[in-house]
Amino acid sequence: MTADFQVRDKRYHAEIRPGDKTEDEKFQLYSVAVGGQNAGAVEGTLKVTPQALELAGKRASQEGGSAEDWLARGCAKSLAAEVLIRKLKPQFSFIVDHRWIQEL
């Protein structure tokens, strides 16, 4: 999945790939590379809650598009909010819950 977002006057691009879920992990993991902050991409992990995945599917069936599209947009919103607070550091990790998809 890919997602583009803008924070203030700067544009960002995110490449989001499903990762492996370990047995003890309660979230679906996605590896992400975010470009636009500086010369290279910053890589990290998004932990997507089951409720966010469910809501992405529900919105896709009700409003069109795919669940991946809705999920990518929610991930972009959460990344934009994080970038507003601080620069992304290599190996960042944070949770994407249903609110990022609900607010689209």
PDB file of N, CA and C in Angstrom:
ATOM      1  N   MET A   1       0.856  -1.171   0.000  1.00  0.00           N
ATOM      2  CA  MET A   1       0.000   0.000   0.000  1.00  0.00           C
ATOM      3  C   MET A   1       0.901   1.232   0.000  1.00  0.00           C
ATOM      4  N   THR A   2       0.394   2.276  -0.570  1.00  0.00           N
ATOM      5  CA  THR A   2       1.096   3.547  -0.509  1.00  0.00           C
ATOM      6  C   THR A   2       0.134   4.613  -0.023  1.00  0.00           C
ATOM      7  N   ALA A   3       0.691   5.633   0.573  1.00  0.00           N
ATOM      8  CA  ALA A   3      -0.114   6.752   1.050  1.00  0.00           C
ATOM      9  C   ALA A   3       0.726   8.017   0.975  1.00  0.00           C
ATOM     10  N   ASP A   4       0.109   9.078   0.506  1.00  0.00           N
ATOM     11  CA  ASP A   4       0.757  10.383   0.482  1.00  0.00           C
ATOM     12  C   ASP A   4       0.025  11.278   1.464  1.00  0.00           C
ATOM     13  N   PHE A   5       0.791  12.130   2.140  1.00  0.00           N
ATOM     14  CA  PHE A   5       0.177  13.075   3.055  1.00  0.00           C
ATOM     15  C   PHE A   5       1.033  14.321   3.138  1.00  0.00           C
ATOM     16  N   GLN A   6       0.424  15.382   3.631  1.00  0.00           N
ATOM     17  CA  GLN A   6       1.121  16.652   3.734  1.00  0.00           C
ATOM     18  C   GLN A   6       1.002  17.166   5.151  1.00  0.00           C
ATOM     19  N   VAL A   7       2.104  17.686   5.663  1.00  0.00           N
ATOM     20  CA  VAL A   7       2.127  18.319   6.974  1.00  0.00           C
ATOM     21  C   VAL A   7       2.731  19.694   6.773  1.00  0.00           C
ATOM     22  N   ARG A   8       1.933  20.679   7.066  1.00  0.00           N
ATOM     23  CA  ARG A   8       2.285  22.066   6.778  1.00  0.00           C
ATOM     24  C   ARG A   8       2.613  22.159   5.288  1.00  0.00           C
ATOM     25  N   ASP A   9       3.780  22.573   4.911  1.00  0.00           N
ATOM     26  CA  ASP A   9       4.101  22.718   3.487  1.00  0.00           C
ATOM     27  C   ASP A   9       4.958  21.583   2.957  1.00  0.00           C
ATOM     28  N   LYS A  10       5.094  20.506   3.701  1.00  0.00           N
ATOM     29  CA  LYS A  10       5.972  19.419   3.289  1.00  0.00           C
ATOM     30  C   LYS A  10       5.149  18.174   2.952  1.00  0.00           C
ATOM     31  N   ARG A  11       5.491  17.556   1.822  1.00  0.00           N
ATOM     32  CA  ARG A  11       4.792  16.346   1.375  1.00  0.00           C
ATOM     33  C   ARG A  11       5.589  15.114   1.773  1.00  0.00           C
ATOM     34  N   TYR A  12       4.855  14.053   2.125  1.00  0.00           N
ATOM     35  CA  TYR A  12       5.453  12.792   2.539  1.00  0.00           C
ATOM     36  C   TYR A  12       4.844  11.652   1.727  1.00  0.00           C
ATOM     37  N   HIS A  13       5.586  10.590   1.598  1.00  0.00           N
ATOM     38  CA  HIS A  13       5.118   9.389   0.899  1.00  0.00           C
ATOM     39  C   HIS A  13       5.427   8.187   1.789  1.00  0.00           C
ATOM     40  N   ALA A  14       4.459   7.334   1.988  1.00  0.00           N
ATOM     41  CA  ALA A  14       4.645   6.146   2.827  1.00  0.00           C
ATOM     42  C   ALA A  14       4.407   4.885   2.011  1.00  0.00           C
ATOM     43  N   GLU A  15       5.334   3.958   2.119  1.00  0.00           N
ATOM     44  CA  GLU A  15       5.204   2.606   1.560  1.00  0.00           C
ATOM     45  C   GLU A  15       4.889   1.699   2.736  1.00  0.00           C
ATOM     46  N   ILE A  16       3.732   1.067   2.710  1.00  0.00           N
ATOM     47  CA  ILE A  16       3.249   0.267   3.840  1.00  0.00           C
ATOM     48  C   ILE A  16       3.101  -1.175   3.383  1.00  0.00           C
ATOM     49  N   ARG A  17       3.763  -2.080   4.118  1.00  0.00           N
ATOM     50  CA  ARG A  17       3.735  -3.498   3.754  1.00  0.00           C
ATOM     51  C   ARG A  17       3.316  -4.338   4.965  1.00  0.00           C
ATOM     52  N   PRO A  18       2.409  -5.297   4.743  1.00  0.00           N
ATOM     53  CA  PRO A  18       2.035  -6.183   5.847  1.00  0.00           C
ATOM     54  C   PRO A  18       3.257  -6.944   6.345  1.00  0.00           C
ATOM     55  N   GLY A  19       3.334  -7.083   7.642  1.00  0.00           N
ATOM     56  CA  GLY A  19       4.424  -7.840   8.249  1.00  0.00           C
ATOM     57  C   GLY A  19       3.907  -9.119   8.868  1.00  0.00           C
ATOM     58  N   ASP A  20       4.809  -9.864   9.417  1.00  0.00           N
ATOM     59  CA  ASP A  20       4.440 -11.115  10.081  1.00  0.00           C
ATOM     60  C   ASP A  20       3.907 -10.824  11.469  1.00  0.00           C
ATOM     61  N   LYS A  21       2.853 -11.506  11.826  1.00  0.00           N
ATOM     62  CA  LYS A  21       2.271 -11.367  13.156  1.00  0.00           C
ATOM     63  C   LYS A  21       2.744 -12.545  13.994  1.00  0.00           C
ATOM     64  N   THR A  22       3.382 -12.232  15.099  1.00  0.00           N
ATOM     65  CA  THR A  22       3.830 -13.291  15.991  1.00  0.00           C
ATOM     66  C   THR A  22       2.658 -13.763  16.847  1.00  0.00           C
ATOM     67  N   GLU A  23       2.825 -14.910  17.414  1.00  0.00           N
ATOM     68  CA  GLU A  23       1.745 -15.521  18.201  1.00  0.00           C
ATOM     69  C   GLU A  23       1.334 -14.651  19.388  1.00  0.00           C
ATOM     70  N   ASP A  24       2.288 -13.978  20.019  1.00  0.00           N
ATOM     71  CA  ASP A  24       1.982 -13.186  21.209  1.00  0.00           C
ATOM     72  C   ASP A  24       1.619 -11.730  20.884  1.00  0.00           C
ATOM     73  N   GLU A  25       1.647 -11.348  19.615  1.00  0.00           N
ATOM     74  CA  GLU A  25       1.323  -9.978  19.210  1.00  0.00           C
ATOM     75  C   GLU A  25      -0.181  -9.852  18.995  1.00  0.00           C
ATOM     76  N   LYS A  26      -0.797  -8.849  19.634  1.00  0.00           N
ATOM     77  CA  LYS A  26      -2.241  -8.691  19.481  1.00  0.00           C
ATOM     78  C   LYS A  26      -2.622  -7.762  18.332  1.00  0.00           C
ATOM     79  N   PHE A  27      -1.645  -7.092  17.717  1.00  0.00           N
ATOM     80  CA  PHE A  27      -1.904  -6.200  16.603  1.00  0.00           C
ATOM     81  C   PHE A  27      -1.352  -6.790  15.314  1.00  0.00           C
ATOM     82  N   GLN A  28      -1.917  -6.346  14.178  1.00  0.00           N
ATOM     83  CA  GLN A  28      -1.359  -6.698  12.876  1.00  0.00           C
ATOM     84  C   GLN A  28      -0.216  -5.721  12.606  1.00  0.00           C
ATOM     85  N   LEU A  29       0.948  -6.241  12.308  1.00  0.00           N
ATOM     86  CA  LEU A  29       2.117  -5.398  12.083  1.00  0.00           C
ATOM     87  C   LEU A  29       2.254  -5.039  10.612  1.00  0.00           C
ATOM     88  N   TYR A  30       2.630  -3.796  10.358  1.00  0.00           N
ATOM     89  CA  TYR A  30       2.920  -3.307   9.014  1.00  0.00           C
ATOM     90  C   TYR A  30       4.258  -2.581   9.071  1.00  0.00           C
ATOM     91  N   SER A  31       5.150  -2.944   8.175  1.00  0.00           N
ATOM     92  CA  SER A  31       6.395  -2.187   8.082  1.00  0.00           C
ATOM     93  C   SER A  31       6.113  -1.002   7.170  1.00  0.00           C
ATOM     94  N   VAL A  32       6.738   0.123   7.492  1.00  0.00           N
ATOM     95  CA  VAL A  32       6.476   1.343   6.745  1.00  0.00           C
ATOM     96  C   VAL A  32       7.784   2.088   6.526  1.00  0.00           C
ATOM     97  N   ALA A  33       7.927   2.642   5.337  1.00  0.00           N
ATOM     98  CA  ALA A  33       9.049   3.517   5.005  1.00  0.00           C
ATOM     99  C   ALA A  33       8.446   4.856   4.605  1.00  0.00           C
ATOM    100  N   VAL A  34       8.830   5.914   5.321  1.00  0.00           N
ATOM    101  CA  VAL A  34       8.274   7.243   5.091  1.00  0.00           C
ATOM    102  C   VAL A  34       9.359   8.136   4.502  1.00  0.00           C
ATOM    103  N   GLY A  35       9.109   8.643   3.319  1.00  0.00           N
ATOM    104  CA  GLY A  35      10.034   9.560   2.667  1.00  0.00           C
ATOM    105  C   GLY A  35       9.481  10.964   2.662  1.00  0.00           C
ATOM    106  N   GLY A  36      10.378  11.942   2.590  1.00  0.00           N
ATOM    107  CA  GLY A  36       9.963  13.335   2.532  1.00  0.00           C
ATOM    108  C   GLY A  36      10.458  14.137   3.700  1.00  0.00           C
ATOM    109  N   GLN A  37      10.792  13.478   4.784  1.00  0.00           N
ATOM    110  CA  GLN A  37      11.250  14.169   5.983  1.00  0.00           C
ATOM    111  C   GLN A  37      12.671  14.688   5.804  1.00  0.00           C
ATOM    112  N   ASN A  38      13.489  13.883   5.174  1.00  0.00           N
ATOM    113  CA  ASN A  38      14.866  14.263   4.899  1.00  0.00           C
ATOM    114  C   ASN A  38      15.317  13.514   3.646  1.00  0.00           C
ATOM    115  N   ALA A  39      16.592  13.387   3.438  1.00  0.00           N
ATOM    116  CA  ALA A  39      17.108  12.800   2.192  1.00  0.00           C
ATOM    117  C   ALA A  39      16.649  11.360   1.977  1.00  0.00           C
ATOM    118  N   GLY A  40      16.597  10.552   3.015  1.00  0.00           N
ATOM    119  CA  GLY A  40      16.218   9.152   2.851  1.00  0.00           C
ATOM    120  C   GLY A  40      14.931   8.832   3.566  1.00  0.00           C
ATOM    121  N   ALA A  41      14.459   7.632   3.348  1.00  0.00           N
ATOM    122  CA  ALA A  41      13.237   7.178   4.002  1.00  0.00           C
ATOM    123  C   ALA A  41      13.542   6.732   5.425  1.00  0.00           C
ATOM    124  N   VAL A  42      12.598   6.958   6.308  1.00  0.00           N
ATOM    125  CA  VAL A  42      12.691   6.506   7.689  1.00  0.00           C
ATOM    126  C   VAL A  42      11.790   5.291   7.815  1.00  0.00           C
ATOM    127  N   GLU A  43      12.338   4.192   8.328  1.00  0.00           N
ATOM    128  CA  GLU A  43      11.567   2.955   8.435  1.00  0.00           C
ATOM    129  C   GLU A  43      11.105   2.719   9.864  1.00  0.00           C
ATOM    130  N   GLY A  44       9.931   2.130   9.966  1.00  0.00           N
ATOM    131  CA  GLY A  44       9.379   1.824  11.272  1.00  0.00           C
ATOM    132  C   GLY A  44       8.274   0.801  11.152  1.00  0.00           C
ATOM    133  N   THR A  45       7.491   0.704  12.211  1.00  0.00           N
ATOM    134  CA  THR A  45       6.411  -0.282  12.278  1.00  0.00           C
ATOM    135  C   THR A  45       5.125   0.387  12.731  1.00  0.00           C
ATOM    136  N   LEU A  46       4.038   0.031  12.052  1.00  0.00           N
ATOM    137  CA  LEU A  46       2.709   0.430  12.484  1.00  0.00           C
ATOM    138  C   LEU A  46       2.022  -0.811  13.029  1.00  0.00           C
ATOM    139  N   LYS A  47       1.442  -0.675  14.200  1.00  0.00           N
ATOM    140  CA  LYS A  47       0.697  -1.766  14.827  1.00  0.00           C
ATOM    141  C   LYS A  47      -0.781  -1.425  14.699  1.00  0.00           C
ATOM    142  N   VAL A  48      -1.470  -2.162  13.845  1.00  0.00           N
ATOM    143  CA  VAL A  48      -2.867  -1.859  13.533  1.00  0.00           C
ATOM    144  C   VAL A  48      -3.778  -2.746  14.375  1.00  0.00           C
ATOM    145  N   THR A  49      -4.711  -2.106  15.054  1.00  0.00           N
ATOM    146  CA  THR A  49      -5.619  -2.850  15.930  1.00  0.00           C
ATOM    147  C   THR A  49      -6.631  -3.647  15.103  1.00  0.00           C
ATOM    148  N   PRO A  50      -7.154  -4.726  15.674  1.00  0.00           N
ATOM    149  CA  PRO A  50      -8.194  -5.492  14.983  1.00  0.00           C
ATOM    150  C   PRO A  50      -9.425  -4.636  14.654  1.00  0.00           C
ATOM    151  N   GLN A  51      -9.765  -3.696  15.543  1.00  0.00           N
ATOM    152  CA  GLN A  51     -10.913  -2.825  15.309  1.00  0.00           C
ATOM    153  C   GLN A  51     -10.676  -1.919  14.097  1.00  0.00           C
ATOM    154  N   ALA A  52      -9.443  -1.459  13.911  1.00  0.00           N
ATOM    155  CA  ALA A  52      -9.126  -0.624  12.750  1.00  0.00           C
ATOM    156  C   ALA A  52      -9.260  -1.424  11.461  1.00  0.00           C
ATOM    157  N   LEU A  53      -8.772  -2.650  11.470  1.00  0.00           N
ATOM    158  CA  LEU A  53      -8.893  -3.508  10.288  1.00  0.00           C
ATOM    159  C   LEU A  53     -10.363  -3.779   9.967  1.00  0.00           C
ATOM    160  N   GLU A  54     -11.139  -4.041  10.987  1.00  0.00           N
ATOM    161  CA  GLU A  54     -12.567  -4.306  10.801  1.00  0.00           C
ATOM    162  C   GLU A  54     -13.286  -3.080  10.244  1.00  0.00           C
ATOM    163  N   LEU A  55     -12.986  -1.906  10.794  1.00  0.00           N
ATOM    164  CA  LEU A  55     -13.629  -0.680  10.330  1.00  0.00           C
ATOM    165  C   LEU A  55     -13.222  -0.348   8.892  1.00  0.00           C
ATOM    166  N   ALA A  56     -11.986  -0.603   8.523  1.00  0.00           N
ATOM    167  CA  ALA A  56     -11.536  -0.364   7.139  1.00  0.00           C
ATOM    168  C   ALA A  56     -12.367  -1.219   6.179  1.00  0.00           C
ATOM    169  N   GLY A  57     -12.594  -2.474   6.532  1.00  0.00           N
ATOM    170  CA  GLY A  57     -13.415  -3.344   5.702  1.00  0.00           C
ATOM    171  C   GLY A  57     -14.860  -2.886   5.639  1.00  0.00           C
ATOM    172  N   LYS A  58     -15.377  -2.447   6.769  1.00  0.00           N
ATOM    173  CA  LYS A  58     -16.763  -1.982   6.831  1.00  0.00           C
ATOM    174  C   LYS A  58     -16.952  -0.727   5.983  1.00  0.00           C
ATOM    175  N   ARG A  59     -16.023   0.214   6.086  1.00  0.00           N
ATOM    176  CA  ARG A  59     -16.148   1.446   5.296  1.00  0.00           C
ATOM    177  C   ARG A  59     -16.006   1.160   3.810  1.00  0.00           C
ATOM    178  N   ALA A  60     -15.149   0.207   3.474  1.00  0.00           N
ATOM    179  CA  ALA A  60     -14.989  -0.153   2.065  1.00  0.00           C
ATOM    180  C   ALA A  60     -16.293  -0.715   1.501  1.00  0.00           C
ATOM    181  N   SER A  61     -16.937  -1.578   2.261  1.00  0.00           N
ATOM    182  CA  SER A  61     -18.184  -2.176   1.773  1.00  0.00           C
ATOM    183  C   SER A  61     -19.323  -1.160   1.738  1.00  0.00           C
ATOM    184  N   GLN A  62     -19.331  -0.202   2.641  1.00  0.00           N
ATOM    185  CA  GLN A  62     -20.407   0.773   2.694  1.00  0.00           C
ATOM    186  C   GLN A  62     -20.188   1.974   1.777  1.00  0.00           C
ATOM    187  N   GLU A  63     -18.914   2.388   1.644  1.00  0.00           N
ATOM    188  CA  GLU A  63     -18.639   3.640   0.944  1.00  0.00           C
ATOM    189  C   GLU A  63     -17.812   3.471  -0.327  1.00  0.00           C
ATOM    190  N   GLY A  64     -17.379   2.251  -0.609  1.00  0.00           N
ATOM    191  CA  GLY A  64     -16.589   1.998  -1.806  1.00  0.00           C
ATOM    192  C   GLY A  64     -15.100   2.014  -1.525  1.00  0.00           C
ATOM    193  N   GLY A  65     -14.353   1.617  -2.525  1.00  0.00           N
ATOM    194  CA  GLY A  65     -12.918   1.485  -2.350  1.00  0.00           C
ATOM    195  C   GLY A  65     -12.610   0.130  -1.730  1.00  0.00           C
ATOM    196  N   SER A  66     -11.351  -0.057  -1.417  1.00  0.00           N
ATOM    197  CA  SER A  66     -10.951  -1.315  -0.797  1.00  0.00           C
ATOM    198  C   SER A  66     -10.593  -1.074   0.663  1.00  0.00           C
ATOM    199  N   ALA A  67     -10.576  -2.150   1.426  1.00  0.00           N
ATOM    200  CA  ALA A  67     -10.166  -2.046   2.830  1.00  0.00           C
ATOM    201  C   ALA A  67      -8.732  -1.534   2.915  1.00  0.00           C
ATOM    202  N   GLU A  68      -7.886  -1.948   1.971  1.00  0.00           N
ATOM    203  CA  GLU A  68      -6.499  -1.465   1.958  1.00  0.00           C
ATOM    204  C   GLU A  68      -6.441   0.038   1.741  1.00  0.00           C
ATOM    205  N   ASP A  69      -7.299   0.565   0.865  1.00  0.00           N
ATOM    206  CA  ASP A  69      -7.339   2.019   0.641  1.00  0.00           C
ATOM    207  C   ASP A  69      -7.680   2.756   1.931  1.00  0.00           C
ATOM    208  N   TRP A  70      -8.708   2.277   2.614  1.00  0.00           N
ATOM    209  CA  TRP A  70      -9.121   2.923   3.863  1.00  0.00           C
ATOM    210  C   TRP A  70      -8.038   2.801   4.925  1.00  0.00           C
ATOM    211  N   LEU A  71      -7.408   1.648   4.990  1.00  0.00           N
ATOM    212  CA  LEU A  71      -6.333   1.453   5.957  1.00  0.00           C
ATOM    213  C   LEU A  71      -5.149   2.366   5.643  1.00  0.00           C
ATOM    214  N   ALA A  72      -4.780   2.465   4.385  1.00  0.00           N
ATOM    215  CA  ALA A  72      -3.662   3.335   3.991  1.00  0.00           C
ATOM    216  C   ALA A  72      -3.951   4.786   4.354  1.00  0.00           C
ATOM    217  N   ARG A  73      -5.176   5.219   4.128  1.00  0.00           N
ATOM    218  CA  ARG A  73      -5.539   6.599   4.474  1.00  0.00           C
ATOM    219  C   ARG A  73      -5.484   6.829   5.984  1.00  0.00           C
ATOM    220  N   GLY A  74      -5.952   5.848   6.757  1.00  0.00           N
ATOM    221  CA  GLY A  74      -5.873   5.963   8.209  1.00  0.00           C
ATOM    222  C   GLY A  74      -4.435   5.981   8.697  1.00  0.00           C
ATOM    223  N   CYS A  75      -3.602   5.150   8.104  1.00  0.00           N
ATOM    224  CA  CYS A  75      -2.182   5.131   8.471  1.00  0.00           C
ATOM    225  C   CYS A  75      -1.533   6.466   8.133  1.00  0.00           C
ATOM    226  N   ALA A  76      -1.890   7.044   6.994  1.00  0.00           N
ATOM    227  CA  ALA A  76      -1.337   8.340   6.605  1.00  0.00           C
ATOM    228  C   ALA A  76      -1.732   9.426   7.602  1.00  0.00           C
ATOM    229  N   LYS A  77      -2.980   9.389   8.055  1.00  0.00           N
ATOM    230  CA  LYS A  77      -3.415  10.375   9.055  1.00  0.00           C
ATOM    231  C   LYS A  77      -2.645  10.224  10.357  1.00  0.00           C
ATOM    232  N   SER A  78      -2.412   8.990  10.778  1.00  0.00           N
ATOM    233  CA  SER A  78      -1.674   8.788  12.030  1.00  0.00           C
ATOM    234  C   SER A  78      -0.214   9.211  11.865  1.00  0.00           C
ATOM    235  N   LEU A  79       0.371   8.936  10.702  1.00  0.00           N
ATOM    236  CA  LEU A  79       1.750   9.367  10.438  1.00  0.00           C
ATOM    237  C   LEU A  79       1.840  10.890  10.409  1.00  0.00           C
ATOM    238  N   ALA A  80       0.866  11.539   9.785  1.00  0.00           N
ATOM    239  CA  ALA A  80       0.864  13.006   9.734  1.00  0.00           C
ATOM    240  C   ALA A  80       0.798  13.598  11.141  1.00  0.00           C
ATOM    241  N   ALA A  81      -0.040  13.031  11.982  1.00  0.00           N
ATOM    242  CA  ALA A  81      -0.139  13.518  13.358  1.00  0.00           C
ATOM    243  C   ALA A  81       1.180  13.341  14.096  1.00  0.00           C
ATOM    244  N   GLU A  82       1.833  12.226  13.885  1.00  0.00           N
ATOM    245  CA  GLU A  82       3.114  11.976  14.537  1.00  0.00           C
ATOM    246  C   GLU A  82       4.170  12.963  14.051  1.00  0.00           C
ATOM    247  N   VAL A  83       4.207  13.217  12.748  1.00  0.00           N
ATOM    248  CA  VAL A  83       5.188  14.149  12.183  1.00  0.00           C
ATOM    249  C   VAL A  83       4.969  15.562  12.724  1.00  0.00           C
ATOM    250  N   LEU A  84       3.724  15.923  13.012  1.00  0.00           N
ATOM    251  CA  LEU A  84       3.456  17.235  13.609  1.00  0.00           C
ATOM    252  C   LEU A  84       4.095  17.360  14.991  1.00  0.00           C
ATOM    253  N   ILE A  85       4.140  16.270  15.713  1.00  0.00           N
ATOM    254  CA  ILE A  85       4.679  16.280  17.072  1.00  0.00           C
ATOM    255  C   ILE A  85       6.201  16.252  17.064  1.00  0.00           C
ATOM    256  N   ARG A  86       6.777  15.380  16.239  1.00  0.00           N
ATOM    257  CA  ARG A  86       8.237  15.193  16.227  1.00  0.00           C
ATOM    258  C   ARG A  86       8.663  14.514  14.929  1.00  0.00           C
ATOM    259  N   LYS A  87       9.940  14.628  14.625  1.00  0.00           N
ATOM    260  CA  LYS A  87      10.486  13.926  13.469  1.00  0.00           C
ATOM    261  C   LYS A  87      10.445  12.429  13.734  1.00  0.00           C
ATOM    262  N   LEU A  88      10.175  11.685  12.691  1.00  0.00           N
ATOM    263  CA  LEU A  88      10.201  10.229  12.823  1.00  0.00           C
ATOM    264  C   LEU A  88      11.650   9.774  12.961  1.00  0.00           C
ATOM    265  N   LYS A  89      11.878   8.877  13.883  1.00  0.00           N
ATOM    266  CA  LYS A  89      13.208   8.319  14.083  1.00  0.00           C
ATOM    267  C   LYS A  89      13.233   6.895  13.541  1.00  0.00           C
ATOM    268  N   PRO A  90      14.390   6.441  13.075  1.00  0.00           N
ATOM    269  CA  PRO A  90      14.473   5.060  12.571  1.00  0.00           C
ATOM    270  C   PRO A  90      13.961   4.060  13.612  1.00  0.00           C
ATOM    271  N   GLN A  91      13.254   3.067  13.131  1.00  0.00           N
ATOM    272  CA  GLN A  91      12.660   2.006  13.943  1.00  0.00           C
ATOM    273  C   GLN A  91      11.537   2.512  14.851  1.00  0.00           C
ATOM    274  N   PHE A  92      10.863   3.608  14.427  1.00  0.00           N
ATOM    275  CA  PHE A  92       9.714   4.080  15.202  1.00  0.00           C
ATOM    276  C   PHE A  92       8.638   3.001  15.199  1.00  0.00           C
ATOM    277  N   SER A  93       7.758   3.071  16.159  1.00  0.00           N
ATOM    278  CA  SER A  93       6.665   2.121  16.266  1.00  0.00           C
ATOM    279  C   SER A  93       5.513   2.804  17.001  1.00  0.00           C
ATOM    280  N   PHE A  94       4.342   2.755  16.428  1.00  0.00           N
ATOM    281  CA  PHE A  94       3.170   3.227  17.138  1.00  0.00           C
ATOM    282  C   PHE A  94       1.916   2.534  16.628  1.00  0.00           C
ATOM    283  N   ILE A  95       0.852   2.694  17.396  1.00  0.00           N
ATOM    284  CA  ILE A  95      -0.400   1.983  17.161  1.00  0.00           C
ATOM    285  C   ILE A  95      -1.337   2.831  16.305  1.00  0.00           C
ATOM    286  N   VAL A  96      -1.970   2.183  15.344  1.00  0.00           N
ATOM    287  CA  VAL A  96      -3.010   2.802  14.531  1.00  0.00           C
ATOM    288  C   VAL A  96      -4.316   2.134  14.938  1.00  0.00           C
ATOM    289  N   ASP A  97      -5.182   2.900  15.598  1.00  0.00           N
ATOM    290  CA  ASP A  97      -6.448   2.303  16.024  1.00  0.00           C
ATOM    291  C   ASP A  97      -7.605   2.797  15.149  1.00  0.00           C
ATOM    292  N   HIS A  98      -8.795   2.364  15.482  1.00  0.00           N
ATOM    293  CA  HIS A  98      -9.978   2.633  14.667  1.00  0.00           C
ATOM    294  C   HIS A  98     -10.272   4.114  14.486  1.00  0.00           C
ATOM    295  N   ARG A  99      -9.835   4.955  15.413  1.00  0.00           N
ATOM    296  CA  ARG A  99     -10.142   6.388  15.323  1.00  0.00           C
ATOM    297  C   ARG A  99      -9.535   7.026  14.076  1.00  0.00           C
ATOM    298  N   TRP A 100      -8.381   6.527  13.618  1.00  0.00           N
ATOM    299  CA  TRP A 100      -7.746   7.099  12.426  1.00  0.00           C
ATOM    300  C   TRP A 100      -8.556   6.787  11.168  1.00  0.00           C
ATOM    301  N   ILE A 101      -9.302   5.718  11.183  1.00  0.00           N
ATOM    302  CA  ILE A 101     -10.118   5.348  10.033  1.00  0.00           C
ATOM    303  C   ILE A 101     -11.531   5.932  10.169  1.00  0.00           C
ATOM    304  N   GLN A 102     -12.000   6.033  11.386  1.00  0.00           N
ATOM    305  CA  GLN A 102     -13.323   6.579  11.656  1.00  0.00           C
ATOM    306  C   GLN A 102     -13.387   8.053  11.280  1.00  0.00           C
ATOM    307  N   GLU A 103     -12.301   8.783  11.466  1.00  0.00           N
ATOM    308  CA  GLU A 103     -12.279  10.230  11.251  1.00  0.00           C
ATOM    309  C   GLU A 103     -12.076  10.643   9.798  1.00  0.00           C
ATOM    310  N   LEU A 104     -11.973   9.689   8.880  1.00  0.00           N
ATOM    311  CA  LEU A 104     -11.744  10.033   7.465  1.00  0.00           C
ATOM    312  C   LEU A 104     -12.989  10.592   6.830  1.00  0.00           C
TER     313      LEU A 104
END
